Amino acid sequence: MLRRLVLDVLKPHSPNVIELSEALSKLDGVEGVNIIIYEIDQKVENAKVIIGGSGIDFESVKKKLEEMGATIHSVDEVAAGERIIEEVRTPQDRYARM
């Protein structure tokens, strides 16, 4: 069972982030949606879409995004199982950034 999805999404200016987040939040298993726009172009916006819940269906999310003209660039984080395990920094992390 998926509990969190973090997606890099390319979306048109319309629908706006309010309409998109409300549409995603109505999907079964979704309890909350955050959308952060990090780049705006003439015709599109790049967004980080964070979806939380208890039983998120990835295919339903993908279908809803596509219906609204958006495309998933990448799946940047997935959390599944009975609970969400938060990321923990380890000594190896500092070397990965060099």
N, C-alpha and C. Protein backbone atom coordinates (compact mmCIF):
# COMPACT_ATOMS: atom_id res chain seq x y z
N MET A 1 0.84 -1.18 0.00
CA MET A 1 0.00 0.00 0.00
C MET A 1 0.89 1.24 0.00
N LEU A 2 0.65 2.13 -0.97
CA LEU A 2 1.42 3.37 -1.09
C LEU A 2 0.89 4.40 -0.10
N ARG A 3 1.82 5.05 0.59
CA ARG A 3 1.46 6.09 1.56
C ARG A 3 1.92 7.48 1.13
N ARG A 4 2.99 7.54 0.32
CA ARG A 4 3.47 8.85 -0.15
C ARG A 4 4.07 8.69 -1.54
N LEU A 5 3.76 9.65 -2.39
CA LEU A 5 4.37 9.76 -3.72
C LEU A 5 4.90 11.18 -3.86
N VAL A 6 6.12 11.31 -4.34
CA VAL A 6 6.67 12.60 -4.70
C VAL A 6 7.00 12.53 -6.18
N LEU A 7 6.32 13.36 -6.95
CA LEU A 7 6.41 13.31 -8.41
C LEU A 7 6.93 14.64 -8.96
N ASP A 8 7.75 14.54 -10.00
CA ASP A 8 8.17 15.71 -10.76
C ASP A 8 7.23 15.74 -11.97
N VAL A 9 6.44 16.80 -12.06
CA VAL A 9 5.35 16.87 -13.04
C VAL A 9 5.48 18.11 -13.91
N LEU A 10 5.24 17.94 -15.20
CA LEU A 10 5.15 19.06 -16.14
C LEU A 10 3.67 19.27 -16.41
N LYS A 11 3.17 20.49 -16.16
CA LYS A 11 1.74 20.76 -16.32
C LYS A 11 1.53 22.04 -17.11
N PRO A 12 0.40 22.13 -17.81
CA PRO A 12 0.06 23.40 -18.46
C PRO A 12 -0.35 24.43 -17.40
N HIS A 13 -0.40 25.69 -17.77
CA HIS A 13 -0.82 26.73 -16.82
C HIS A 13 -2.25 26.51 -16.34
N SER A 14 -3.07 25.95 -17.21
CA SER A 14 -4.45 25.64 -16.84
C SER A 14 -4.67 24.15 -17.01
N PRO A 15 -5.15 23.47 -16.00
CA PRO A 15 -5.69 23.96 -14.74
C PRO A 15 -4.58 24.47 -13.81
N ASN A 16 -4.98 25.37 -12.91
CA ASN A 16 -3.99 25.90 -11.98
C ASN A 16 -3.74 24.90 -10.85
N VAL A 17 -2.80 25.22 -9.97
CA VAL A 17 -2.43 24.27 -8.92
C VAL A 17 -3.56 24.01 -7.93
N ILE A 18 -4.44 24.97 -7.75
CA ILE A 18 -5.57 24.76 -6.84
C ILE A 18 -6.51 23.71 -7.42
N GLU A 19 -6.85 23.87 -8.69
CA GLU A 19 -7.74 22.89 -9.35
C GLU A 19 -7.10 21.50 -9.41
N LEU A 20 -5.81 21.46 -9.72
CA LEU A 20 -5.12 20.18 -9.81
C LEU A 20 -5.04 19.50 -8.45
N SER A 21 -4.70 20.24 -7.42
CA SER A 21 -4.59 19.63 -6.09
C SER A 21 -5.95 19.15 -5.58
N GLU A 22 -7.00 19.91 -5.85
CA GLU A 22 -8.34 19.47 -5.43
C GLU A 22 -8.76 18.20 -6.15
N ALA A 23 -8.47 18.11 -7.44
CA ALA A 23 -8.83 16.91 -8.22
C ALA A 23 -8.07 15.68 -7.70
N LEU A 24 -6.78 15.84 -7.42
CA LEU A 24 -5.99 14.72 -6.90
C LEU A 24 -6.44 14.31 -5.50
N SER A 25 -6.83 15.30 -4.69
CA SER A 25 -7.23 15.00 -3.31
C SER A 25 -8.53 14.22 -3.22
N LYS A 26 -9.31 14.21 -4.30
CA LYS A 26 -10.58 13.48 -4.32
C LYS A 26 -10.42 12.00 -4.70
N LEU A 27 -9.21 11.61 -5.11
CA LEU A 27 -8.98 10.21 -5.47
C LEU A 27 -9.03 9.32 -4.23
N ASP A 28 -9.50 8.09 -4.41
CA ASP A 28 -9.54 7.13 -3.30
C ASP A 28 -8.15 6.92 -2.73
N GLY A 29 -8.06 6.90 -1.40
CA GLY A 29 -6.80 6.63 -0.72
C GLY A 29 -5.92 7.85 -0.51
N VAL A 30 -6.29 8.99 -1.12
CA VAL A 30 -5.49 10.21 -0.98
C VAL A 30 -6.05 11.04 0.17
N GLU A 31 -5.16 11.40 1.11
CA GLU A 31 -5.57 12.20 2.26
C GLU A 31 -5.06 13.63 2.18
N GLY A 32 -4.04 13.88 1.37
CA GLY A 32 -3.51 15.23 1.24
C GLY A 32 -2.63 15.38 0.02
N VAL A 33 -2.58 16.60 -0.51
CA VAL A 33 -1.79 16.90 -1.71
C VAL A 33 -1.10 18.25 -1.51
N ASN A 34 0.21 18.28 -1.78
CA ASN A 34 0.96 19.53 -1.83
C ASN A 34 1.51 19.66 -3.24
N ILE A 35 1.41 20.87 -3.81
CA ILE A 35 2.01 21.13 -5.12
C ILE A 35 2.87 22.37 -4.99
N ILE A 36 4.13 22.23 -5.39
CA ILE A 36 5.06 23.35 -5.36
C ILE A 36 5.54 23.59 -6.78
N ILE A 37 5.32 24.80 -7.30
CA ILE A 37 5.81 25.17 -8.63
C ILE A 37 7.25 25.64 -8.46
N TYR A 38 8.17 25.04 -9.23
CA TYR A 38 9.56 25.46 -9.10
C TYR A 38 10.13 26.04 -10.39
N GLU A 39 9.35 26.01 -11.47
CA GLU A 39 9.79 26.65 -12.72
C GLU A 39 8.57 26.94 -13.58
N ILE A 40 8.55 28.15 -14.15
CA ILE A 40 7.45 28.56 -15.02
C ILE A 40 8.02 28.94 -16.38
N ASP A 41 7.45 28.35 -17.42
CA ASP A 41 7.84 28.63 -18.81
C ASP A 41 6.67 29.35 -19.46
N GLN A 42 6.81 29.65 -20.74
CA GLN A 42 5.75 30.35 -21.46
C GLN A 42 4.45 29.56 -21.50
N LYS A 43 4.54 28.23 -21.66
CA LYS A 43 3.35 27.41 -21.82
C LYS A 43 3.13 26.39 -20.72
N VAL A 44 4.16 26.10 -19.92
CA VAL A 44 4.06 25.03 -18.92
C VAL A 44 4.71 25.43 -17.60
N GLU A 45 4.43 24.62 -16.60
CA GLU A 45 5.02 24.79 -15.27
C GLU A 45 5.60 23.45 -14.82
N ASN A 46 6.74 23.51 -14.15
CA ASN A 46 7.31 22.32 -13.54
C ASN A 46 6.89 22.34 -12.07
N ALA A 47 6.40 21.20 -11.60
CA ALA A 47 5.87 21.15 -10.24
C ALA A 47 6.36 19.90 -9.52
N LYS A 48 6.56 20.07 -8.21
CA LYS A 48 6.76 18.93 -7.33
C LYS A 48 5.39 18.64 -6.73
N VAL A 49 4.90 17.42 -6.95
CA VAL A 49 3.59 17.02 -6.44
C VAL A 49 3.81 15.97 -5.36
N ILE A 50 3.37 16.28 -4.15
CA ILE A 50 3.51 15.38 -3.01
C ILE A 50 2.11 14.91 -2.62
N ILE A 51 1.93 13.59 -2.64
CA ILE A 51 0.62 13.01 -2.34
C ILE A 51 0.78 12.07 -1.16
N GLY A 52 -0.06 12.26 -0.14
CA GLY A 52 -0.02 11.39 1.03
C GLY A 52 -1.37 10.75 1.25
N GLY A 53 -1.34 9.56 1.83
CA GLY A 53 -2.60 8.87 2.11
C GLY A 53 -2.37 7.47 2.63
N SER A 54 -3.40 6.69 2.59
CA SER A 54 -3.32 5.31 3.07
C SER A 54 -3.94 4.40 2.02
N GLY A 55 -3.16 4.10 1.00
CA GLY A 55 -3.67 3.27 -0.08
C GLY A 55 -3.78 4.04 -1.38
N ILE A 56 -2.78 4.84 -1.69
CA ILE A 56 -2.75 5.61 -2.94
C ILE A 56 -2.58 4.65 -4.11
N ASP A 57 -3.37 4.84 -5.14
CA ASP A 57 -3.26 4.04 -6.35
C ASP A 57 -2.50 4.86 -7.39
N PHE A 58 -1.27 4.44 -7.69
CA PHE A 58 -0.43 5.18 -8.62
C PHE A 58 -1.09 5.36 -9.99
N GLU A 59 -1.71 4.31 -10.50
CA GLU A 59 -2.34 4.39 -11.83
C GLU A 59 -3.47 5.41 -11.85
N SER A 60 -4.23 5.52 -10.76
CA SER A 60 -5.30 6.53 -10.68
C SER A 60 -4.72 7.94 -10.68
N VAL A 61 -3.62 8.12 -9.95
CA VAL A 61 -2.96 9.42 -9.91
C VAL A 61 -2.45 9.78 -11.30
N LYS A 62 -1.77 8.84 -11.95
CA LYS A 62 -1.23 9.07 -13.29
C LYS A 62 -2.35 9.41 -14.27
N LYS A 63 -3.44 8.66 -14.21
CA LYS A 63 -4.58 8.89 -15.12
C LYS A 63 -5.18 10.29 -14.90
N LYS A 64 -5.36 10.68 -13.63
CA LYS A 64 -5.94 12.00 -13.33
C LYS A 64 -5.02 13.11 -13.82
N LEU A 65 -3.70 12.97 -13.62
CA LEU A 65 -2.76 13.98 -14.10
C LEU A 65 -2.84 14.10 -15.62
N GLU A 66 -2.88 12.96 -16.30
CA GLU A 66 -2.96 12.97 -17.77
C GLU A 66 -4.27 13.60 -18.26
N GLU A 67 -5.38 13.31 -17.56
CA GLU A 67 -6.67 13.92 -17.92
C GLU A 67 -6.61 15.43 -17.84
N MET A 68 -5.77 15.93 -16.93
CA MET A 68 -5.67 17.37 -16.72
C MET A 68 -4.51 17.99 -17.50
N GLY A 69 -3.94 17.20 -18.44
CA GLY A 69 -2.91 17.71 -19.33
C GLY A 69 -1.50 17.67 -18.79
N ALA A 70 -1.29 17.02 -17.65
CA ALA A 70 0.04 16.96 -17.04
C ALA A 70 0.75 15.66 -17.38
N THR A 71 2.07 15.68 -17.24
CA THR A 71 2.91 14.52 -17.51
C THR A 71 3.87 14.30 -16.35
N ILE A 72 4.02 13.05 -15.94
CA ILE A 72 4.98 12.73 -14.89
C ILE A 72 6.36 12.61 -15.52
N HIS A 73 7.29 13.47 -15.07
CA HIS A 73 8.69 13.38 -15.52
C HIS A 73 9.41 12.27 -14.80
N SER A 74 9.21 12.20 -13.48
CA SER A 74 9.87 11.17 -12.68
C SER A 74 9.13 10.95 -11.38
N VAL A 75 9.34 9.77 -10.82
CA VAL A 75 8.86 9.44 -9.49
C VAL A 75 10.07 9.61 -8.58
N ASP A 76 10.06 10.65 -7.75
CA ASP A 76 11.24 11.00 -6.96
C ASP A 76 11.27 10.36 -5.58
N GLU A 77 10.13 9.96 -5.07
CA GLU A 77 10.09 9.29 -3.77
C GLU A 77 8.82 8.46 -3.68
N VAL A 78 8.94 7.31 -3.05
CA VAL A 78 7.78 6.45 -2.79
C VAL A 78 7.90 5.93 -1.37
N ALA A 79 6.81 5.97 -0.63
CA ALA A 79 6.75 5.35 0.70
C ALA A 79 5.59 4.37 0.68
N ALA A 80 5.86 3.15 1.14
CA ALA A 80 4.84 2.10 1.14
C ALA A 80 4.92 1.33 2.44
N GLY A 81 3.82 0.67 2.79
CA GLY A 81 3.80 -0.17 3.98
C GLY A 81 2.86 0.36 5.04
N GLU A 82 3.00 -0.16 6.23
CA GLU A 82 2.13 0.22 7.35
C GLU A 82 2.36 1.64 7.83
N ARG A 83 3.62 2.12 7.69
CA ARG A 83 3.91 3.49 8.11
C ARG A 83 5.01 4.06 7.24
N ILE A 84 5.17 5.38 7.27
CA ILE A 84 6.20 6.06 6.49
C ILE A 84 7.50 6.06 7.28
N ILE A 85 8.57 5.65 6.63
CA ILE A 85 9.89 5.70 7.22
C ILE A 85 10.57 6.96 6.70
N GLU A 86 10.92 7.86 7.60
CA GLU A 86 11.55 9.11 7.20
C GLU A 86 13.01 8.87 6.85
N GLU A 87 13.53 9.66 5.93
CA GLU A 87 14.92 9.55 5.51
C GLU A 87 15.84 9.92 6.67
N VAL A 88 16.94 9.20 6.79
CA VAL A 88 17.93 9.45 7.83
C VAL A 88 19.27 9.70 7.16
N ARG A 89 19.97 10.76 7.58
CA ARG A 89 21.30 11.05 7.02
C ARG A 89 22.32 10.07 7.59
N THR A 90 23.19 9.62 6.71
CA THR A 90 24.27 8.73 7.12
C THR A 90 25.59 9.34 6.67
N PRO A 91 26.73 8.85 7.19
CA PRO A 91 28.02 9.41 6.77
C PRO A 91 28.24 9.34 5.26
N GLN A 92 27.68 8.35 4.59
CA GLN A 92 27.85 8.22 3.15
C GLN A 92 27.18 9.36 2.38
N ASP A 93 26.16 9.98 2.95
CA ASP A 93 25.43 11.05 2.26
C ASP A 93 26.31 12.23 1.93
N ARG A 94 27.25 12.57 2.78
CA ARG A 94 28.10 13.74 2.50
C ARG A 94 29.02 13.49 1.31
N TYR A 95 29.41 12.24 1.07
CA TYR A 95 30.27 11.92 -0.07
C TYR A 95 29.48 11.87 -1.37
N ALA A 96 28.21 11.54 -1.29
CA ALA A 96 27.37 11.43 -2.49
C ALA A 96 27.18 12.79 -3.15
N ARG A 97 27.34 13.87 -2.44
CA ARG A 97 27.11 15.21 -2.97
C ARG A 97 28.37 15.81 -3.59
N MET A 98 29.49 15.18 -3.51
CA MET A 98 30.75 15.72 -4.04
C MET A 98 30.89 15.51 -5.51
